[in-house]
Every structure is written in C-alpha cells, then in structure tokens.
C-alpha atoms as a PDB file:
ATOM      1  CA  UNK A   1       0.000   0.000   0.000  1.00  0.00           C
ATOM      2  CA  UNK A   2       2.694   2.375  -1.106  1.00  0.00           C
ATOM      3  CA  UNK A   3       0.169   5.051  -2.026  1.00  0.00           C
ATOM      4  CA  UNK A   4      -0.343   5.695   1.665  1.00  0.00           C
ATOM      5  CA  UNK A   5       3.259   6.835   2.043  1.00  0.00           C
ATOM      6  CA  UNK A   6       2.231  10.365   1.049  1.00  0.00           C
ATOM      7  CA  UNK A   7       0.461  10.725   4.407  1.00  0.00           C
ATOM      8  CA  UNK A   8       3.541  11.456   6.520  1.00  0.00           C
ATOM      9  CA  UNK A   9       3.379  12.466  10.158  1.00  0.00           C
ATOM     10  CA  UNK A  10       4.384  16.015   9.181  1.00  0.00           C
ATOM     11  CA  UNK A  11       1.829  16.316   6.397  1.00  0.00           C
ATOM     12  CA  UNK A  12      -1.409  15.068   7.907  1.00  0.00           C
ATOM     13  CA  UNK A  13      -4.703  16.209   6.344  1.00  0.00           C
ATOM     14  CA  UNK A  14      -6.213  17.571   9.574  1.00  0.00           C
ATOM     15  CA  UNK A  15      -4.688  20.315  11.694  1.00  0.00           C
ATOM     16  CA  UNK A  16      -3.254  19.524  15.112  1.00  0.00           C
ATOM     17  CA  UNK A  17      -0.791  16.793  14.198  1.00  0.00           C
ATOM     18  CA  UNK A  18      -0.978  13.306  15.645  1.00  0.00           C
ATOM     19  CA  UNK A  19      -2.542  14.639  18.841  1.00  0.00           C
ATOM     20  CA  UNK A  20      -5.669  15.658  16.880  1.00  0.00           C
ATOM     21  CA  UNK A  21      -8.468  13.092  17.124  1.00  0.00           C
ATOM     22  CA  UNK A  22      -9.277  13.095  13.357  1.00  0.00           C
ATOM     23  CA  UNK A  23      -5.656  12.315  12.482  1.00  0.00           C
ATOM     24  CA  UNK A  24      -5.667   9.602  15.138  1.00  0.00           C
ATOM     25  CA  UNK A  25      -8.708   7.962  13.539  1.00  0.00           C
ATOM     26  CA  UNK A  26      -7.017   8.233  10.148  1.00  0.00           C
ATOM     27  CA  UNK A  27      -3.823   6.576  11.372  1.00  0.00           C
ATOM     28  CA  UNK A  28      -5.759   3.755  13.027  1.00  0.00           C
ATOM     29  CA  UNK A  29      -7.682   3.167   9.786  1.00  0.00           C
ATOM     30  CA  UNK A  30      -4.516   3.090   7.691  1.00  0.00           C
ATOM     31  CA  UNK A  31      -2.843   0.836  10.246  1.00  0.00           C
ATOM     32  CA  UNK A  32      -5.756  -1.617  10.139  1.00  0.00           C
ATOM     33  CA  UNK A  33      -5.712  -1.607   6.331  1.00  0.00           C
ATOM     34  CA  UNK A  34      -1.982  -2.324   6.222  1.00  0.00           C
ATOM     35  CA  UNK A  35      -2.330  -5.066   8.834  1.00  0.00           C
ATOM     36  CA  UNK A  36      -5.132  -6.671   6.834  1.00  0.00           C
ATOM     37  CA  UNK A  37      -2.887  -6.533   3.781  1.00  0.00           C
ATOM     38  CA  UNK A  38      -0.433  -8.754   5.652  1.00  0.00           C
ATOM     39  CA  UNK A  39      -3.252 -11.211   6.412  1.00  0.00           C
ATOM     40  CA  UNK A  40      -4.582 -11.553   2.862  1.00  0.00           C
ATOM     41  CA  UNK A  41      -3.178 -15.046   2.404  1.00  0.00           C
ATOM     42  CA  UNK A  42      -4.300 -16.286   5.816  1.00  0.00           C
ATOM     43  CA  UNK A  43      -7.511 -18.330   6.209  1.00  0.00           C
ATOM     44  CA  UNK A  44     -10.748 -16.573   7.284  1.00  0.00           C
ATOM     45  CA  UNK A  45     -10.979 -15.961  11.021  1.00  0.00           C
ATOM     46  CA  UNK A  46     -12.787 -13.580  13.410  1.00  0.00           C
ATOM     47  CA  UNK A  47      -9.554 -11.613  13.966  1.00  0.00           C
ATOM     48  CA  UNK A  48      -9.010 -11.212  10.216  1.00  0.00           C
ATOM     49  CA  UNK A  49     -12.656 -10.167   9.705  1.00  0.00           C
ATOM     50  CA  UNK A  50     -12.498  -7.576  12.494  1.00  0.00           C
ATOM     51  CA  UNK A  51      -9.314  -6.010  11.146  1.00  0.00           C
ATOM     52  CA  UNK A  52     -10.782  -5.838   7.639  1.00  0.00           C
ATOM     53  CA  UNK A  53     -14.022  -4.294   8.868  1.00  0.00           C
ATOM     54  CA  UNK A  54     -12.223  -1.733  11.037  1.00  0.00           C
ATOM     55  CA  UNK A  55     -10.237  -0.388   8.076  1.00  0.00           C
ATOM     56  CA  UNK A  56     -13.295   1.309   6.568  1.00  0.00           C
ATOM     57  CA  UNK A  57     -15.351   1.317   9.771  1.00  0.00           C
ATOM     58  CA  UNK A  58     -12.912   3.754  11.388  1.00  0.00           C
ATOM     59  CA  UNK A  59     -13.201   6.024   8.341  1.00  0.00           C
ATOM     60  CA  UNK A  60     -16.964   6.053   8.960  1.00  0.00           C
ATOM     61  CA  UNK A  61     -16.323   7.053  12.595  1.00  0.00           C
ATOM     62  CA  UNK A  62     -13.966   9.790  11.375  1.00  0.00           C
ATOM     63  CA  UNK A  63     -16.556  11.136   8.927  1.00  0.00           C
ATOM     64  CA  UNK A  64     -19.222  11.167  11.632  1.00  0.00           C
ATOM     65  CA  UNK A  65     -16.889  12.723  14.227  1.00  0.00           C
ATOM     66  CA  UNK A  66     -15.994  15.745  12.122  1.00  0.00           C
ATOM     67  CA  UNK A  67     -19.515  16.234  10.785  1.00  0.00           C
ATOM     68  CA  UNK A  68     -18.980  14.981   7.252  1.00  0.00           C
ATOM     69  CA  UNK A  69     -21.835  14.567   4.768  1.00  0.00           C
ATOM     70  CA  UNK A  70     -24.379  12.034   5.996  1.00  0.00           C
ATOM     71  CA  UNK A  71     -24.308  10.200   2.671  1.00  0.00           C
ATOM     72  CA  UNK A  72     -20.551   9.692   3.053  1.00  0.00           C
ATOM     73  CA  UNK A  73     -20.979   8.345   6.592  1.00  0.00           C
ATOM     74  CA  UNK A  74     -23.618   5.870   5.432  1.00  0.00           C
ATOM     75  CA  UNK A  75     -21.618   4.845   2.361  1.00  0.00           C
ATOM     76  CA  UNK A  76     -18.658   4.024   4.598  1.00  0.00           C
ATOM     77  CA  UNK A  77     -20.835   2.183   7.143  1.00  0.00           C
ATOM     78  CA  UNK A  78     -22.356  -0.051   4.464  1.00  0.00           C
ATOM     79  CA  UNK A  79     -18.920  -0.579   2.920  1.00  0.00           C
ATOM     80  CA  UNK A  80     -17.623  -1.774   6.300  1.00  0.00           C
ATOM     81  CA  UNK A  81     -20.629  -4.085   6.549  1.00  0.00           C
ATOM     82  CA  UNK A  82     -19.806  -5.434   3.099  1.00  0.00           C
ATOM     83  CA  UNK A  83     -16.245  -6.070   4.233  1.00  0.00           C
ATOM     84  CA  UNK A  84     -17.558  -8.034   7.208  1.00  0.00           C
ATOM     85  CA  UNK A  85     -19.592 -10.275   4.886  1.00  0.00           C
ATOM     86  CA  UNK A  86     -16.793 -10.757   2.361  1.00  0.00           C
ATOM     87  CA  UNK A  87     -14.276 -11.624   5.074  1.00  0.00           C
ATOM     88  CA  UNK A  88     -15.774 -15.116   4.879  1.00  0.00           C
ATOM     89  CA  UNK A  89     -16.395 -17.365   1.892  1.00  0.00           C
ATOM     90  CA  UNK A  90     -19.706 -18.743   0.661  1.00  0.00           C
ATOM     91  CA  UNK A  91     -22.562 -17.598  -1.556  1.00  0.00           C
ATOM     92  CA  UNK A  92     -24.614 -16.170   1.326  1.00  0.00           C
ATOM     93  CA  UNK A  93     -21.719 -14.011   2.467  1.00  0.00           C
ATOM     94  CA  UNK A  94     -21.058 -12.957  -1.120  1.00  0.00           C
ATOM     95  CA  UNK A  95     -24.682 -11.905  -1.572  1.00  0.00           C
ATOM     96  CA  UNK A  96     -24.603 -10.056   1.762  1.00  0.00           C
ATOM     97  CA  UNK A  97     -21.478  -8.222   0.659  1.00  0.00           C
ATOM     98  CA  UNK A  98     -22.957  -7.490  -2.763  1.00  0.00           C
ATOM     99  CA  UNK A  99     -26.126  -6.031  -1.209  1.00  0.00           C
ATOM    100  CA  UNK A 100     -24.145  -3.958   1.309  1.00  0.00           C
ATOM    101  CA  UNK A 101     -21.883  -2.460  -1.322  1.00  0.00           C
ATOM    102  CA  UNK A 102     -24.841  -1.819  -3.634  1.00  0.00           C
ATOM    103  CA  UNK A 103     -26.377   0.333  -0.883  1.00  0.00           C
ATOM    104  CA  UNK A 104     -22.992   1.983  -0.279  1.00  0.00           C
ATOM    105  CA  UNK A 105     -22.756   2.950  -3.946  1.00  0.00           C
ATOM    106  CA  UNK A 106     -26.279   4.371  -3.852  1.00  0.00           C
ATOM    107  CA  UNK A 107     -25.193   6.645  -1.020  1.00  0.00           C
ATOM    108  CA  UNK A 108     -22.098   7.615  -2.995  1.00  0.00           C
ATOM    109  CA  UNK A 109     -24.344   8.537  -5.926  1.00  0.00           C
ATOM    110  CA  UNK A 110     -26.431  10.697  -3.571  1.00  0.00           C
ATOM    111  CA  UNK A 111     -23.257  12.270  -2.193  1.00  0.00           C
ATOM    112  CA  UNK A 112     -21.823  13.045  -5.615  1.00  0.00           C
ATOM    113  CA  UNK A 113     -24.978  14.493  -7.153  1.00  0.00           C
ATOM    114  CA  UNK A 114     -25.472  16.717  -4.092  1.00  0.00           C
ATOM    115  CA  UNK A 115     -22.421  18.718  -5.156  1.00  0.00           C
ATOM    116  CA  UNK A 116     -23.134  21.941  -7.102  1.00  0.00           C
ATOM    117  CA  UNK A 117     -20.715  21.216  -9.968  1.00  0.00           C
ATOM    118  CA  UNK A 118     -22.595  18.742 -12.143  1.00  0.00           C
ATOM    119  CA  UNK A 119     -22.065  20.857 -15.292  1.00  0.00           C
ATOM    120  CA  UNK A 120     -18.403  19.781 -15.269  1.00  0.00           C
ATOM    121  CA  UNK A 121     -19.544  16.393 -16.530  1.00  0.00           C
ATOM    122  CA  UNK A 122     -20.076  17.899 -19.991  1.00  0.00           C
ATOM    123  CA  UNK A 123     -16.409  18.801 -20.453  1.00  0.00           C
ATOM    124  CA  UNK A 124     -14.900  16.797 -23.308  1.00  0.00           C
ATOM    125  CA  UNK A 125     -12.233  14.915 -21.290  1.00  0.00           C
ATOM    126  CA  UNK A 126     -14.853  13.850 -18.778  1.00  0.00           C
ATOM    127  CA  UNK A 127     -17.247  12.741 -21.497  1.00  0.00           C
ATOM    128  CA  UNK A 128     -14.452  10.659 -23.038  1.00  0.00           C
ATOM    129  CA  UNK A 129     -13.774   9.117 -19.624  1.00  0.00           C
ATOM    130  CA  UNK A 130     -17.482   8.329 -19.217  1.00  0.00           C
ATOM    131  CA  UNK A 131     -17.642   6.617 -22.613  1.00  0.00           C
ATOM    132  CA  UNK A 132     -14.551   4.570 -21.719  1.00  0.00           C
ATOM    133  CA  UNK A 133     -16.084   3.628 -18.371  1.00  0.00           C
ATOM    134  CA  UNK A 134     -19.381   2.575 -19.953  1.00  0.00           C
ATOM    135  CA  UNK A 135     -17.509   0.498 -22.530  1.00  0.00           C
ATOM    136  CA  UNK A 136     -15.454  -1.167 -19.806  1.00  0.00           C
ATOM    137  CA  UNK A 137     -18.472  -1.940 -17.616  1.00  0.00           C
ATOM    138  CA  UNK A 138     -20.326  -3.288 -20.645  1.00  0.00           C
ATOM    139  CA  UNK A 139     -17.378  -5.530 -21.466  1.00  0.00           C
ATOM    140  CA  UNK A 140     -17.275  -6.800 -17.865  1.00  0.00           C
ATOM    141  CA  UNK A 141     -20.975  -7.643 -17.995  1.00  0.00           C
ATOM    142  CA  UNK A 142     -20.480  -9.459 -21.305  1.00  0.00           C
ATOM    143  CA  UNK A 143     -17.735 -11.587 -19.739  1.00  0.00           C
ATOM    144  CA  UNK A 144     -19.375 -12.117 -16.340  1.00  0.00           C
ATOM    145  CA  UNK A 145     -23.043 -12.863 -17.013  1.00  0.00           C
ATOM    146  CA  UNK A 146     -22.445 -16.254 -18.669  1.00  0.00           C
ATOM    147  CA  UNK A 147     -20.306 -17.277 -15.671  1.00  0.00           C
ATOM    148  CA  UNK A 148     -22.372 -16.143 -12.666  1.00  0.00           C
ATOM    149  CA  UNK A 149     -25.190 -18.701 -12.907  1.00  0.00           C
ATOM    150  CA  UNK A 150     -28.161 -17.857 -10.666  1.00  0.00           C
ATOM    151  CA  UNK A 151     -26.533 -14.560  -9.616  1.00  0.00           C
ATOM    152  CA  UNK A 152     -27.272 -12.825 -12.919  1.00  0.00           C
ATOM    153  CA  UNK A 153     -29.843 -10.367 -11.499  1.00  0.00           C
ATOM    154  CA  UNK A 154     -27.828  -9.360  -8.390  1.00  0.00           C
ATOM    155  CA  UNK A 155     -24.664  -8.932 -10.463  1.00  0.00           C
ATOM    156  CA  UNK A 156     -26.533  -6.922 -13.125  1.00  0.00           C
ATOM    157  CA  UNK A 157     -28.076  -4.679 -10.451  1.00  0.00           C
ATOM    158  CA  UNK A 158     -24.721  -4.131  -8.781  1.00  0.00           C
ATOM    159  CA  UNK A 159     -22.903  -3.394 -12.032  1.00  0.00           C
ATOM    160  CA  UNK A 160     -25.605  -0.905 -12.994  1.00  0.00           C
ATOM    161  CA  UNK A 161     -25.338   0.999  -9.706  1.00  0.00           C
ATOM    162  CA  UNK A 162     -21.528   1.087  -9.618  1.00  0.00           C
ATOM    163  CA  UNK A 163     -21.502   2.305 -13.235  1.00  0.00           C
ATOM    164  CA  UNK A 164     -23.878   5.126 -12.297  1.00  0.00           C
ATOM    165  CA  UNK A 165     -21.615   5.959  -9.357  1.00  0.00           C
ATOM    166  CA  UNK A 166     -18.620   6.213 -11.667  1.00  0.00           C
ATOM    167  CA  UNK A 167     -20.488   8.370 -14.174  1.00  0.00           C
ATOM    168  CA  UNK A 168     -21.774  10.884 -11.619  1.00  0.00           C
ATOM    169  CA  UNK A 169     -18.300  11.027 -10.035  1.00  0.00           C
ATOM    170  CA  UNK A 170     -17.091  12.572 -13.293  1.00  0.00           C
ATOM    171  CA  UNK A 171     -19.174  15.649 -12.491  1.00  0.00           C
ATOM    172  CA  UNK A 172     -17.232  16.394  -9.303  1.00  0.00           C
ATOM    173  CA  UNK A 173     -14.870  19.298  -8.848  1.00  0.00           C
ATOM    174  CA  UNK A 174     -12.735  16.958  -6.737  1.00  0.00           C
ATOM    175  CA  UNK A 175     -10.075  15.112  -8.781  1.00  0.00           C
ATOM    176  CA  UNK A 176      -9.072  13.059  -5.734  1.00  0.00           C
ATOM    177  CA  UNK A 177     -12.644  11.769  -5.348  1.00  0.00           C
ATOM    178  CA  UNK A 178     -12.812  10.944  -9.062  1.00  0.00           C
ATOM    179  CA  UNK A 179      -9.598   8.951  -8.756  1.00  0.00           C
ATOM    180  CA  UNK A 180     -10.997   7.185  -5.701  1.00  0.00           C
ATOM    181  CA  UNK A 181     -14.191   6.236  -7.535  1.00  0.00           C
ATOM    182  CA  UNK A 182     -12.218   4.862 -10.494  1.00  0.00           C
ATOM    183  CA  UNK A 183     -10.020   2.831  -8.134  1.00  0.00           C
ATOM    184  CA  UNK A 184     -13.129   1.453  -6.432  1.00  0.00           C
ATOM    185  CA  UNK A 185     -14.541   0.336  -9.798  1.00  0.00           C
ATOM    186  CA  UNK A 186     -11.203  -1.225 -10.765  1.00  0.00           C
ATOM    187  CA  UNK A 187     -11.124  -3.120  -7.469  1.00  0.00           C
ATOM    188  CA  UNK A 188     -14.607  -4.509  -8.051  1.00  0.00           C
ATOM    189  CA  UNK A 189     -13.724  -5.502 -11.611  1.00  0.00           C
ATOM    190  CA  UNK A 190     -10.700  -7.477 -10.406  1.00  0.00           C
ATOM    191  CA  UNK A 191     -12.746  -9.032  -7.589  1.00  0.00           C
ATOM    192  CA  UNK A 192     -15.433 -10.181 -10.039  1.00  0.00           C
ATOM    193  CA  UNK A 193     -12.772 -11.544 -12.392  1.00  0.00           C
ATOM    194  CA  UNK A 194     -11.133 -13.430  -9.523  1.00  0.00           C
ATOM    195  CA  UNK A 195     -14.394 -14.911  -8.246  1.00  0.00           C
ATOM    196  CA  UNK A 196     -16.083 -15.871 -11.508  1.00  0.00           C
ATOM    197  CA  UNK A 197     -13.397 -16.116 -14.188  1.00  0.00           C
ATOM    198  CA  UNK A 198     -10.286 -17.388 -12.371  1.00  0.00           C
ATOM    199  CA  UNK A 199      -9.758 -20.933 -11.186  1.00  0.00           C
ATOM    200  CA  UNK A 200      -8.879 -21.549  -7.539  1.00  0.00           C
ATOM    201  CA  UNK A 201      -5.303 -22.433  -8.513  1.00  0.00           C
ATOM    202  CA  UNK A 202      -4.797 -19.541 -10.937  1.00  0.00           C
ATOM    203  CA  UNK A 203      -1.206 -18.220 -10.600  1.00  0.00           C
ATOM    204  CA  UNK A 204      -2.369 -14.585 -10.508  1.00  0.00           C
ATOM    205  CA  UNK A 205      -4.680 -15.016  -7.496  1.00  0.00           C
ATOM    206  CA  UNK A 206      -2.109 -13.763  -4.987  1.00  0.00           C
ATOM    207  CA  UNK A 207      -1.443 -10.625  -7.016  1.00  0.00           C
ATOM    208  CA  UNK A 208      -5.146 -10.071  -7.677  1.00  0.00           C
ATOM    209  CA  UNK A 209      -5.942 -10.182  -3.944  1.00  0.00           C
ATOM    210  CA  UNK A 210      -3.289  -7.545  -3.242  1.00  0.00           C
ATOM    211  CA  UNK A 211      -4.580  -5.374  -6.098  1.00  0.00           C
ATOM    212  CA  UNK A 212      -8.201  -5.701  -4.953  1.00  0.00           C
ATOM    213  CA  UNK A 213      -7.500  -4.632  -1.372  1.00  0.00           C
ATOM    214  CA  UNK A 214      -5.064  -1.843  -2.292  1.00  0.00           C
ATOM    215  CA  UNK A 215      -7.328  -0.288  -4.926  1.00  0.00           C
ATOM    216  CA  UNK A 216     -10.409  -0.677  -2.733  1.00  0.00           C
ATOM    217  CA  UNK A 217      -8.995   0.807   0.456  1.00  0.00           C
ATOM    218  CA  UNK A 218      -7.041   3.638  -1.162  1.00  0.00           C
ATOM    219  CA  UNK A 219     -10.064   4.444  -3.335  1.00  0.00           C
ATOM    220  CA  UNK A 220     -12.338   4.703  -0.293  1.00  0.00           C
ATOM    221  CA  UNK A 221      -9.706   6.707   1.579  1.00  0.00           C
ATOM    222  CA  UNK A 222      -9.353   9.204  -1.281  1.00  0.00           C
ATOM    223  CA  UNK A 223     -13.117   9.691  -1.563  1.00  0.00           C
ATOM    224  CA  UNK A 224     -13.410  10.234   2.191  1.00  0.00           C
ATOM    225  CA  UNK A 225     -10.529  12.706   2.363  1.00  0.00           C
ATOM    226  CA  UNK A 226     -11.841  14.614  -0.664  1.00  0.00           C
ATOM    227  CA  UNK A 227     -15.002  15.423   1.305  1.00  0.00           C
ATOM    228  CA  UNK A 228     -13.503  15.719   4.788  1.00  0.00           C
ATOM    229  CA  UNK A 229     -10.035  17.270   4.614  1.00  0.00           C
END
C-alpha cells in the first residue's frame, strides 16, 4: 500500500498533528488496512474479519466525528458491513457483501450528485472518460453474465449501480474523489474476475488479492478525504 506513504506524520490532512483526534482515527484506519494486507493469504478468522471491517469502519467514525456529509458516513458504514460479509467465503456471504456495497454505492451517488458542480460532466475529457467507463463496464458484464449462474440479477443490479456511481463522479470538482471512484470500480472488476473467471489455482490469485484490497482501500480513503479534509 505504497500510495499511503504520502500521508507522513508532518503532512497530515487535519490540523493539530498526531494529537488531533481526526488524524488519530485516520492513522488507526490506515494501520488496520496495512495489517489486513499482511493477512490476505491467511484463512478466514474472526480476527481477520475484524481487522478488515475496522479499516473502513474507522473512516466512517472519522466522517461522523468531524460532521462529514451524511451520505458519506452511510456509504462508509455499508462498505464496512460489506467487508464483514466478504471476510468469509460462501454464496450467502457474497450476496450479503454485494447487497451492502450496492447500498454503499447508492449513497455515494447521492453524495456526488449533491455537489453543485454537475455541469463539469459535460467537459470533453470527462465525457471521453465516461464513454470509456461505460464500454469497460459493458465488457465486464459481457464476460461475467455467462459465468455467474443464478446470480445474474444481483450482479446486473450491482454493475448498474456502480456504473452510475462512476459516471456521476465525473461531475465532481474533486479530482481526488474521481480517482478514488475509479479505483473502487477497478477493485470490483478485479474481484469479479477473480471470483467468476479465475480458477482456484490460478497463478495470478495472490497478485489479484493484493490489487483488490489496495485499490479498494485507497479508493475509499481518497473519496473520504476529498469530502472531509
């Protein structure tokens, strides 16, 4: 998680240094995320699930503590809930995680469209990015739907909502949040590829797990800081 190196102790996003409560929450969240990264190859366990859930859960506490947008707080809460489900294997846990993250993305959509800069979405570079995103999400659906079996409707619903989240993110006047949203989508794309298109013994599974967690956590962190710092 090298991207987190930019958050040095002398360049923290909230005033007051390490003694400030918001920076303390931030450091605990980053610490939990890095610790979970070390546990990626370990078998599911309550300790592993708690550490994973705390990574985003503490960001939700931070957003609530400093009076961040309510939609951001709820998006982070449901993301942490999704992490708790996905910390364990099985179709029921996968569906619980899928539903939790679907709700989280709905709150992100609400958060993004509440910003007064939607006209930016009509700038040519952003329109090009939107077309590329739609093409990518369409390609992912084309590859995934034949492989997901009875999960076609949940996967289609989730892909639709996360695509909308990515599109409305392009209207933000917050480049860091846009980057975070794109990283979140990339993480989900790799996760779906790993679950439905890779065999259990695929040689890239170790790298894909690292990429999924890094892109997911840093993406969520960037979105949160874009609206809080």
